[in-house]
C-alpha cells in the first residue's frame, strides 16, 4: 500500500430496514409522480430519513447497499471504517492508498485509507461517481445508522430541491417557473463544492457578527461560530456553558462554549436561539474565510432550493419542524454503537451539567433507559423518545462494572 501526503476536507430506509422501497411511477394532474411505500413524491425524487442529519439509501457499485448522510460541507463519498470491516468490504471497492485528512476536530490531520478507484453511487434514478473515497471513523461521531457521508459531488452542477416538509431531495435540470413561489431568494456563493450565504448573528445589542456562513447539513447542530469570529465578541457577561466531546469530527476532540443569542437573520429572523462558539485552535472551526456554520437544526426549518447556475439559494419556512431529542436537557451527548457493543456510547458532556455531576463520564456505555435495554430500541423509537422527568440510566463503566444513575431532566442547561 503506497503512502502519499494530501490534505482532504471532507432514500428511504425505514427503522433498521435495508430492503429496496416499492416504487411506482404514475401520472397525476399532468405531472409524473412516484409512489414510494405509499408516499407520493415528485418523479425522480430521492426520499430520506431526517434525524439531525439527512439519511439517504444508496447502492454502491451496483450491489453494495449503504445508508449515507448528505453533507453539504463535504465533497466526495466517505465510508465508515466499521461499515467496511463488519461487512467484509475491504476489497469490494478497489485499490487504496493512504492520505492525511483533517476536519472539524481540534487535532492535527490523521492518516486514513482512501479508495482511489471510482465508486458509483445510485439513489433511485440518479447515479454519480466519487473519484476518491476516504475511509473514516464516522460512526464514532454520529452512530451506527450511518454507513458513510455523501458530499456535494455532482449535486451542485444543477439545481437541487431539498424538502424537509416532505423528506425528499430532487435534482433538477432547471427550476420550474412556479417552484420558487413562497420562497425567499438569497444571493449565495458556490465555491469548491461548498455553499455560502451572508447572514447576521446578534448575541445582544453590543455583540453582532455579519459575514459568510457555510451551509453545513453534515452538522447536526444549529449556528456555530469559528474560534476566530467568536474571539471578536465580548461575551464575558453572558450566561454560558462549556461542552467537550471526543467526537468533534475528523481530527478528534472538540470544545465549544454555548450562549443564547437574540437573533439570527438569514431568510427570515430566528429569535432566542442557543449558539455554539468554537474554542478549537486547529481544524475547520478555528479560522476560515467564513465566520461560522449553519447546521441542519436550522436548515431543517425550511424547504430549500439550491440554484448554483444563478448563485442563489431559495428558502421557505415550514410549519412543521423536526423535534429534537433535547440533549441540552439531558446535558450529555451519546451515539448508538449497538453494532459493536450493547449500548450507546457517551461522547460529550456539558461542564457542570446534570450528567457530569451525577458521575457519568465520556466513554461510558448506556445499557438501558428506564429499564428498557437500548439494544432493543428501534431507530424509530430512538427518534421519538421524550427526554423528560426522572430518567434512570444503567451505565457500563470503563472498568466493566455497571452503575445506575437517575437524572432529573427538566430544563435546558442555559
Protein backbone atom coordinates (compact mmCIF):
# COMPACT_ATOMS: atom_id res chain seq x y z
CA UNK A 1 0.00 0.00 0.00
CA UNK A 2 1.58 3.27 -1.11
CA UNK A 3 1.65 6.34 1.07
CA UNK A 4 1.26 9.92 -0.15
CA UNK A 5 0.54 13.16 1.72
CA UNK A 6 -2.58 15.05 0.79
CA UNK A 7 -4.94 17.19 2.91
CA UNK A 8 -8.52 16.13 2.17
CA UNK A 9 -11.57 18.03 3.51
CA UNK A 10 -14.41 16.25 3.78
CA UNK A 11 -33.76 7.09 0.28
CA UNK A 12 -35.66 5.72 2.08
CA UNK A 13 -34.73 3.27 4.79
CA UNK A 14 -37.27 2.55 7.49
CA UNK A 15 -36.07 1.98 11.03
CA UNK A 16 -33.34 -0.60 10.70
CA UNK A 17 -34.65 -1.86 7.33
CA UNK A 18 -32.49 -2.02 4.22
CA UNK A 19 -34.82 -3.57 1.65
CA UNK A 20 -35.46 -1.59 -1.51
CA UNK A 21 -38.65 0.52 -1.27
CA UNK A 22 -41.57 -0.37 -3.53
CA UNK A 23 -41.79 2.31 -6.22
CA UNK A 24 -44.45 3.05 -8.81
CA UNK A 25 -44.44 5.96 -11.27
CA UNK A 26 -47.91 7.27 -12.14
CA UNK A 27 -49.39 10.34 -13.81
CA UNK A 28 -51.29 12.84 -11.72
CA UNK A 29 -52.69 16.19 -12.85
CA UNK A 30 -50.39 16.25 -15.86
CA UNK A 31 -47.18 15.61 -13.91
CA UNK A 32 -45.39 12.38 -13.17
CA UNK A 33 -45.19 11.49 -9.52
CA UNK A 34 -43.86 8.42 -7.79
CA UNK A 35 -45.44 6.42 -5.00
CA UNK A 36 -42.77 5.02 -2.64
CA UNK A 37 -44.07 2.74 0.09
CA UNK A 38 -47.39 4.58 -0.08
CA UNK A 39 -45.90 8.10 -0.04
CA UNK A 40 -46.46 10.38 -3.05
CA UNK A 41 -43.35 12.25 -4.18
CA UNK A 42 -42.29 14.05 -7.38
CA UNK A 43 -40.94 11.71 -10.04
CA UNK A 44 -37.17 11.41 -9.69
CA UNK A 45 -37.15 12.39 -6.00
CA UNK A 46 -34.98 10.52 -3.50
CA UNK A 47 -36.69 10.15 -0.10
CA UNK A 48 -34.74 10.50 3.12
CA UNK A 49 -34.98 9.98 6.85
CA UNK A 50 -34.15 13.07 8.92
CA UNK A 51 -32.57 12.50 12.32
CA UNK A 52 -30.39 15.55 12.90
CA UNK A 53 -28.90 14.61 9.50
CA UNK A 54 -30.29 13.62 6.11
CA UNK A 55 -30.02 9.83 5.65
CA UNK A 56 -30.24 8.52 2.06
CA UNK A 57 -30.42 4.90 0.95
CA UNK A 58 -27.92 4.14 -1.82
CA UNK A 59 -26.40 1.26 -3.76
CA UNK A 60 -22.63 1.39 -4.33
CA UNK A 61 -21.00 -0.24 -7.37
CA UNK A 62 -24.39 -1.74 -8.36
CA UNK A 63 -24.54 -4.24 -5.48
CA UNK A 64 -23.48 -2.87 -2.07
CA UNK A 65 -26.22 -1.21 0.00
CA UNK A 66 -25.30 1.78 2.15
CA UNK A 67 -27.10 4.41 4.19
CA UNK A 68 -25.40 7.75 3.52
CA UNK A 69 -25.58 11.10 5.31
CA UNK A 70 -25.81 14.03 2.87
CA UNK A 71 -23.24 16.64 3.88
CA UNK A 72 -23.15 20.00 2.12
CA UNK A 73 -19.93 20.72 3.97
CA UNK A 74 -18.14 17.90 2.12
CA UNK A 75 -17.28 16.93 -1.42
CA UNK A 76 -16.61 13.20 -2.01
CA UNK A 77 -18.06 9.92 -0.78
CA UNK A 78 -16.72 8.85 2.63
CA UNK A 79 -17.28 5.35 4.06
CA UNK A 80 -17.21 4.36 7.71
CA UNK A 81 -14.36 2.13 8.84
CA UNK A 82 -16.59 -0.27 10.82
CA UNK A 83 -19.15 -0.48 7.99
CA UNK A 84 -16.34 -1.68 5.74
CA UNK A 85 -14.89 -4.04 8.35
CA UNK A 86 -18.13 -5.61 9.62
CA UNK A 87 -19.41 -6.07 6.07
CA UNK A 88 -16.13 -7.62 4.88
CA UNK A 89 -15.95 -4.94 2.20
CA UNK A 90 -12.19 -4.35 2.38
CA UNK A 91 -11.72 -5.49 -1.23
CA UNK A 92 -15.13 -4.52 -2.61
CA UNK A 93 -14.21 -1.09 -3.95
CA UNK A 94 -10.76 -1.45 -5.44
CA UNK A 95 -7.33 -0.02 -4.75
CA UNK A 96 -6.44 2.09 -1.72
CA UNK A 97 -3.65 4.43 -0.73
CA UNK A 98 -3.05 6.42 2.46
CA UNK A 99 -3.60 10.15 2.79
CA UNK A 100 -3.57 12.75 5.53
CA UNK A 101 -7.01 14.13 6.29
CA UNK A 102 -8.20 16.92 8.56
CA UNK A 103 -11.62 18.16 9.60
CA UNK A 104 -13.63 19.94 12.27
CA UNK A 105 -11.90 18.40 15.29
CA UNK A 106 -9.20 20.17 17.26
CA UNK A 107 -6.49 17.67 16.40
CA UNK A 108 -3.96 17.51 13.59
CA UNK A 109 -4.75 15.71 10.31
CA UNK A 110 -4.83 11.94 10.60
CA UNK A 111 -3.80 9.24 8.14
CA UNK A 112 -6.64 7.32 6.54
CA UNK A 113 -7.09 4.75 3.78
CA UNK A 114 -8.55 6.21 0.60
CA UNK A 115 -10.16 4.21 -2.21
CA UNK A 116 -8.78 5.55 -5.49
CA UNK A 117 -10.88 3.54 -7.95
CA UNK A 118 -14.12 5.43 -8.78
CA UNK A 119 -17.12 4.28 -6.72
CA UNK A 120 -20.56 4.59 -8.30
CA UNK A 121 -23.45 5.76 -6.13
CA UNK A 122 -27.04 5.03 -7.19
CA UNK A 123 -30.01 6.57 -5.40
CA UNK A 124 -33.23 5.79 -7.22
CA UNK A 125 -32.84 7.06 -10.78
CA UNK A 126 -29.73 9.07 -10.05
CA UNK A 127 -26.18 7.77 -10.47
CA UNK A 128 -22.95 9.60 -9.75
CA UNK A 129 -19.33 8.66 -9.12
CA UNK A 130 -16.82 9.62 -6.47
CA UNK A 131 -13.26 9.63 -7.76
CA UNK A 132 -11.89 9.43 -4.21
CA UNK A 133 -13.42 7.71 -1.20
CA UNK A 134 -11.74 8.14 2.22
CA UNK A 135 -12.49 5.53 4.90
CA UNK A 136 -13.10 7.33 8.20
CA UNK A 137 -14.38 6.69 11.74
CA UNK A 138 -17.80 8.22 11.05
CA UNK A 139 -19.86 6.02 13.38
CA UNK A 140 -17.76 7.22 16.32
CA UNK A 141 -19.18 10.67 15.54
CA UNK A 142 -22.86 10.06 14.69
CA UNK A 143 -23.57 6.40 15.39
CA UNK A 144 -24.24 3.10 13.69
CA UNK A 145 -27.11 4.22 11.46
CA UNK A 146 -24.63 5.89 9.09
CA UNK A 147 -22.55 3.83 6.68
CA UNK A 148 -20.94 6.86 5.06
CA UNK A 149 -21.09 10.52 4.10
CA UNK A 150 -22.06 11.85 0.69
CA UNK A 151 -20.68 15.25 -0.22
CA UNK A 152 -21.89 17.55 -2.95
CA UNK A 153 -20.12 15.73 -5.79
CA UNK A 154 -22.31 16.42 -8.82
CA UNK A 155 -25.29 17.69 -6.85
CA UNK A 156 -24.35 21.32 -7.38
CA UNK A 157 -23.79 21.11 -11.13
CA UNK A 158 -27.56 21.68 -11.45
CA UNK A 159 -30.35 22.92 -9.16
CA UNK A 160 -31.36 20.77 -6.21
CA UNK A 161 -34.54 20.88 -4.14
CA UNK A 162 -34.36 19.68 -0.52
CA UNK A 163 -37.82 19.33 1.02
CA UNK A 164 -37.74 18.97 4.79
CA UNK A 165 -41.54 19.20 4.87
CA UNK A 166 -41.92 16.02 2.78
CA UNK A 167 -38.45 14.48 3.32
CA UNK A 168 -37.09 14.17 -0.21
CA UNK A 169 -34.29 15.51 -2.42
CA UNK A 170 -34.95 16.27 -6.09
CA UNK A 171 -32.19 17.08 -8.61
CA UNK A 172 -33.48 19.38 -11.37
CA UNK A 173 -32.34 20.23 -14.90
CA UNK A 174 -33.83 23.67 -14.33
CA UNK A 175 -36.10 25.30 -11.77
CA UNK A 176 -39.75 25.42 -12.93
CA UNK A 177 -41.11 28.96 -13.02
CA UNK A 178 -43.72 28.30 -10.33
CA UNK A 179 -41.48 26.32 -7.94
CA UNK A 180 -39.97 29.31 -6.06
CA UNK A 181 -43.42 30.76 -5.20
CA UNK A 182 -43.49 31.48 -1.48
CA UNK A 183 -39.70 31.18 -1.20
CA UNK A 184 -37.21 33.91 -0.27
CA UNK A 185 -34.29 34.28 -2.68
CA UNK A 186 -30.83 34.92 -1.22
CA UNK A 187 -27.60 35.51 -3.06
CA UNK A 188 -25.12 32.72 -2.48
CA UNK A 189 -21.51 31.85 -3.22
CA UNK A 190 -20.82 28.42 -4.72
CA UNK A 191 -17.13 27.71 -4.38
CA UNK A 192 -15.11 24.47 -4.25
CA UNK A 193 -18.27 22.35 -3.84
CA UNK A 194 -19.40 24.45 -0.87
CA UNK A 195 -22.31 26.87 -0.42
CA UNK A 196 -22.06 30.17 1.47
CA UNK A 197 -24.61 32.86 2.26
CA UNK A 198 -24.36 36.17 4.09
CA UNK A 199 -26.18 36.36 7.42
CA UNK A 200 -26.14 38.35 10.66
CA UNK A 201 -25.97 36.95 14.18
CA UNK A 202 -26.74 39.28 17.11
CA UNK A 203 -25.93 37.94 20.55
CA UNK A 204 -27.07 41.18 22.15
CA UNK A 205 -27.16 44.90 21.37
CA UNK A 206 -23.36 45.21 21.57
CA UNK A 207 -22.22 41.93 20.06
CA UNK A 208 -23.02 41.01 16.47
CA UNK A 209 -21.22 39.35 13.60
CA UNK A 210 -22.04 39.61 9.91
CA UNK A 211 -20.42 37.67 7.10
CA UNK A 212 -20.38 34.46 5.13
CA UNK A 213 -21.76 31.33 6.76
CA UNK A 214 -21.15 27.84 5.37
CA UNK A 215 -24.31 25.79 4.85
CA UNK A 216 -23.40 22.53 6.55
CA UNK A 217 -26.08 19.85 6.55
CA UNK A 218 -23.46 17.44 7.86
CA UNK A 219 -23.56 19.33 11.16
CA UNK A 220 -26.44 18.21 13.35
CA UNK A 221 -26.28 21.46 15.34
CA UNK A 222 -27.52 24.98 14.79
CA UNK A 223 -25.24 28.01 14.46
CA UNK A 224 -21.53 27.52 15.19
CA UNK A 225 -19.07 30.43 15.13
CA UNK A 226 -15.43 29.78 14.32
CA UNK A 227 -12.91 30.46 17.05
CA UNK A 228 -11.65 33.49 15.11
CA UNK A 229 -15.15 35.01 14.82
CA UNK A 230 -16.06 34.27 18.45
CA UNK A 231 -12.85 35.92 19.71
CA UNK A 232 -14.07 39.26 18.29
CA UNK A 233 -17.08 39.29 20.62
CA UNK A 234 -17.23 40.30 24.30
CA UNK A 235 -19.37 37.60 25.91
CA UNK A 236 -17.83 37.89 29.38
CA UNK A 237 -21.14 38.86 30.98
CA UNK A 238 -23.31 36.37 29.13
CA UNK A 239 -24.56 33.18 30.83
CA UNK A 240 -22.66 30.37 29.18
CA UNK A 241 -21.87 26.67 29.33
CA UNK A 242 -18.87 24.71 28.10
CA UNK A 243 -19.13 21.46 26.16
CA UNK A 244 -16.43 18.89 25.45
CA UNK A 245 -16.77 15.99 23.03
CA UNK A 246 -14.45 13.26 21.87
CA UNK A 247 -16.30 13.25 18.54
CA UNK A 248 -15.89 16.77 17.19
CA UNK A 249 -15.32 15.49 13.69
CA UNK A 250 -12.42 14.14 11.69
CA UNK A 251 -9.47 15.37 13.68
CA UNK A 252 -10.69 14.27 17.09
CA UNK A 253 -11.99 16.05 20.16
CA UNK A 254 -13.64 19.44 20.17
CA UNK A 255 -14.53 22.14 22.68
CA UNK A 256 -17.07 24.90 22.44
CA UNK A 257 -18.96 27.41 24.53
CA UNK A 258 -22.71 27.85 24.22
CA UNK A 259 -24.64 31.08 24.80
CA UNK A 260 -28.06 32.40 23.91
CA UNK A 261 -28.31 34.83 21.03
CA UNK A 262 -31.06 37.35 20.40
CA UNK A 263 -31.48 36.95 16.64
CA UNK A 264 -30.13 35.23 13.56
CA UNK A 265 -31.15 36.86 10.28
CA UNK A 266 -30.97 34.72 7.17
CA UNK A 267 -34.09 34.16 5.04
CA UNK A 268 -36.10 35.42 7.99
CA UNK A 269 -35.37 36.19 11.64
CA UNK A 270 -34.90 33.48 14.24
CA UNK A 271 -35.01 34.60 17.87
CA UNK A 272 -33.69 33.37 21.22
CA UNK A 273 -31.53 30.51 19.97
CA UNK A 274 -28.57 28.76 21.58
CA UNK A 275 -25.40 29.08 19.50
CA UNK A 276 -22.03 27.33 19.67
CA UNK A 277 -18.75 29.23 19.81
CA UNK A 278 -15.81 27.04 18.85
CA UNK A 279 -12.81 27.07 21.17
CA UNK A 280 -10.70 24.99 18.78
CA UNK A 281 -7.34 26.38 17.71
CA UNK A 282 -6.96 23.85 14.87
CA UNK A 283 -9.24 22.41 12.22
CA UNK A 284 -12.16 23.73 10.21
CA UNK A 285 -13.68 25.64 13.15
CA UNK A 286 -10.57 27.57 14.14
CA UNK A 287 -10.08 30.23 11.47
CA UNK A 288 -11.59 30.30 8.00
CA UNK A 289 -12.85 32.78 5.41
CA UNK A 290 -16.36 32.13 6.73
CA UNK A 291 -17.48 33.25 10.19
CA UNK A 292 -19.48 30.17 11.05
CA UNK A 293 -21.60 27.18 10.10
CA UNK A 294 -25.36 26.86 9.66
CA UNK A 295 -26.21 23.29 10.63
CA UNK A 296 -29.17 21.02 9.96
CA UNK A 297 -31.00 22.07 13.12
CA UNK A 298 -31.54 25.47 11.46
CA UNK A 299 -31.69 24.38 7.81
CA UNK A 300 -34.40 21.81 8.57
CA UNK A 301 -36.78 24.65 9.44
CA UNK A 302 -37.02 25.39 5.71
CA UNK A 303 -37.67 23.86 2.35
CA UNK A 304 -34.64 24.79 0.24
CA UNK A 305 -33.75 25.10 -3.43
CA UNK A 306 -30.08 25.36 -4.39
CA UNK A 307 -29.55 27.26 -7.66
CA UNK A 308 -25.82 27.18 -8.48
CA UNK A 309 -26.32 28.42 -12.05
CA UNK A 310 -27.67 31.74 -10.76
CA UNK A 311 -25.67 31.90 -7.50
CA UNK A 312 -28.79 31.75 -5.33
CA UNK A 313 -30.47 29.77 -2.57
CA UNK A 314 -34.25 29.81 -2.02
CA UNK A 315 -35.79 29.27 1.44
CA UNK A 316 -39.40 28.68 2.53
CA UNK A 317 -40.19 28.37 6.22
CA UNK A 318 -42.21 25.26 7.00
CA UNK A 319 -44.75 24.99 9.79
CA UNK A 320 -43.68 21.58 10.96
CA UNK A 321 -40.09 21.28 12.10
CA UNK A 322 -38.07 18.34 13.37
CA UNK A 323 -38.45 17.74 17.10
CA UNK A 324 -35.05 17.26 18.71
CA UNK A 325 -34.10 14.88 21.49
CA UNK A 326 -33.28 17.71 23.88
CA UNK A 327 -29.62 16.94 24.51
CA UNK A 328 -29.34 20.33 26.22
CA UNK A 329 -31.78 18.93 28.82
CA UNK A 330 -30.00 15.59 29.15
CA UNK A 331 -26.80 17.64 29.19
CA UNK A 332 -24.69 14.98 27.55
CA UNK A 333 -24.35 13.57 24.04
CA UNK A 334 -24.16 9.92 23.05
CA UNK A 335 -24.34 7.79 19.92
CA UNK A 336 -25.74 4.36 19.14
CA UNK A 337 -22.97 1.78 18.77
CA UNK A 338 -25.09 -1.33 19.19
CA UNK A 339 -23.39 -2.60 16.03
CA UNK A 340 -20.27 -3.31 18.09
CA UNK A 341 -21.41 -3.22 21.76
CA UNK A 342 -24.51 -3.37 23.95
CA UNK A 343 -25.38 0.29 24.08
CA UNK A 344 -24.98 3.98 23.40
CA UNK A 345 -21.54 5.47 23.97
CA UNK A 346 -21.32 8.80 25.83
CA UNK A 347 -19.15 11.05 23.67
CA UNK A 348 -19.74 14.52 25.10
CA UNK A 349 -20.57 16.30 28.35
CA UNK A 350 -21.71 19.77 29.38
CA UNK A 351 -19.47 21.04 32.15
CA UNK A 352 -21.35 21.11 35.48
CA UNK A 353 -24.38 19.60 33.76
CA UNK A 354 -26.64 17.05 35.45
CA UNK A 355 -24.93 14.10 33.75
CA UNK A 356 -21.41 15.14 34.71
CA UNK A 357 -22.45 16.00 38.28
CA UNK A 358 -24.06 12.57 38.64
CA UNK A 359 -20.78 10.90 37.65
CA UNK A 360 -21.38 9.86 34.05
CA UNK A 361 -18.16 10.09 32.03
CA UNK A 362 -17.11 10.21 28.41
CA UNK A 363 -16.67 6.67 27.16
CA UNK A 364 -19.38 5.22 29.44
CA UNK A 365 -21.83 2.90 27.67
CA UNK A 366 -25.55 3.42 28.35
CA UNK A 367 -27.10 -0.07 28.54
CA UNK A 368 -30.70 0.80 29.41
CA UNK A 369 -33.05 3.75 29.90
CA UNK A 370 -35.92 3.41 32.41
CA UNK A 371 -35.42 -0.36 32.44
CA UNK A 372 -35.52 -0.75 28.66
CA UNK A 373 -32.33 -2.15 27.10
CA UNK A 374 -31.28 0.34 24.44
CA UNK A 375 -30.23 -2.52 22.17
CA UNK A 376 -33.92 -3.39 21.86
CA UNK A 377 -34.90 0.14 20.80
CA UNK A 378 -35.52 0.60 17.10
CA UNK A 379 -34.15 3.67 15.37
CA UNK A 380 -37.71 4.98 15.05
CA UNK A 381 -38.20 4.66 18.83
CA UNK A 382 -34.94 6.48 19.45
CA UNK A 383 -36.00 9.36 17.21
CA UNK A 384 -39.32 9.79 19.05
CA UNK A 385 -38.06 9.24 22.61
CA UNK A 386 -39.05 12.05 25.01
CA UNK A 387 -36.32 13.08 27.44
CA UNK A 388 -38.10 14.45 30.49
CA UNK A 389 -38.62 13.89 34.19
CA UNK A 390 -36.71 11.45 36.37
CA UNK A 391 -34.90 9.11 33.99
CA UNK A 392 -32.89 6.06 35.06
CA UNK A 393 -29.75 5.13 33.14
CA UNK A 394 -27.84 1.89 33.67
CA UNK A 395 -24.29 2.55 32.53
CA UNK A 396 -21.27 0.31 31.94
CA UNK A 397 -18.12 2.00 33.20
CA UNK A 398 -14.59 1.75 31.84
CA UNK A 399 -13.71 -0.90 34.45
CA UNK A 400 -16.54 -3.14 33.20
CA UNK A 401 -18.80 -2.59 36.22
CA UNK A 402 -22.35 -1.25 35.83
CA UNK A 403 -23.83 1.65 37.73
CA UNK A 404 -27.29 3.22 37.88
CA UNK A 405 -27.86 6.97 37.55
CA UNK A 406 -31.14 8.86 37.94
CA UNK A 407 -31.20 12.21 36.13
CA UNK A 408 -33.99 14.74 36.64
CA UNK A 409 -34.38 16.05 33.10
CA UNK A 410 -36.47 19.19 33.41
CA UNK A 411 -34.73 22.21 31.88
CA UNK A 412 -32.18 23.35 29.35
CA UNK A 413 -28.72 23.99 30.68
CA UNK A 414 -28.84 27.64 29.58
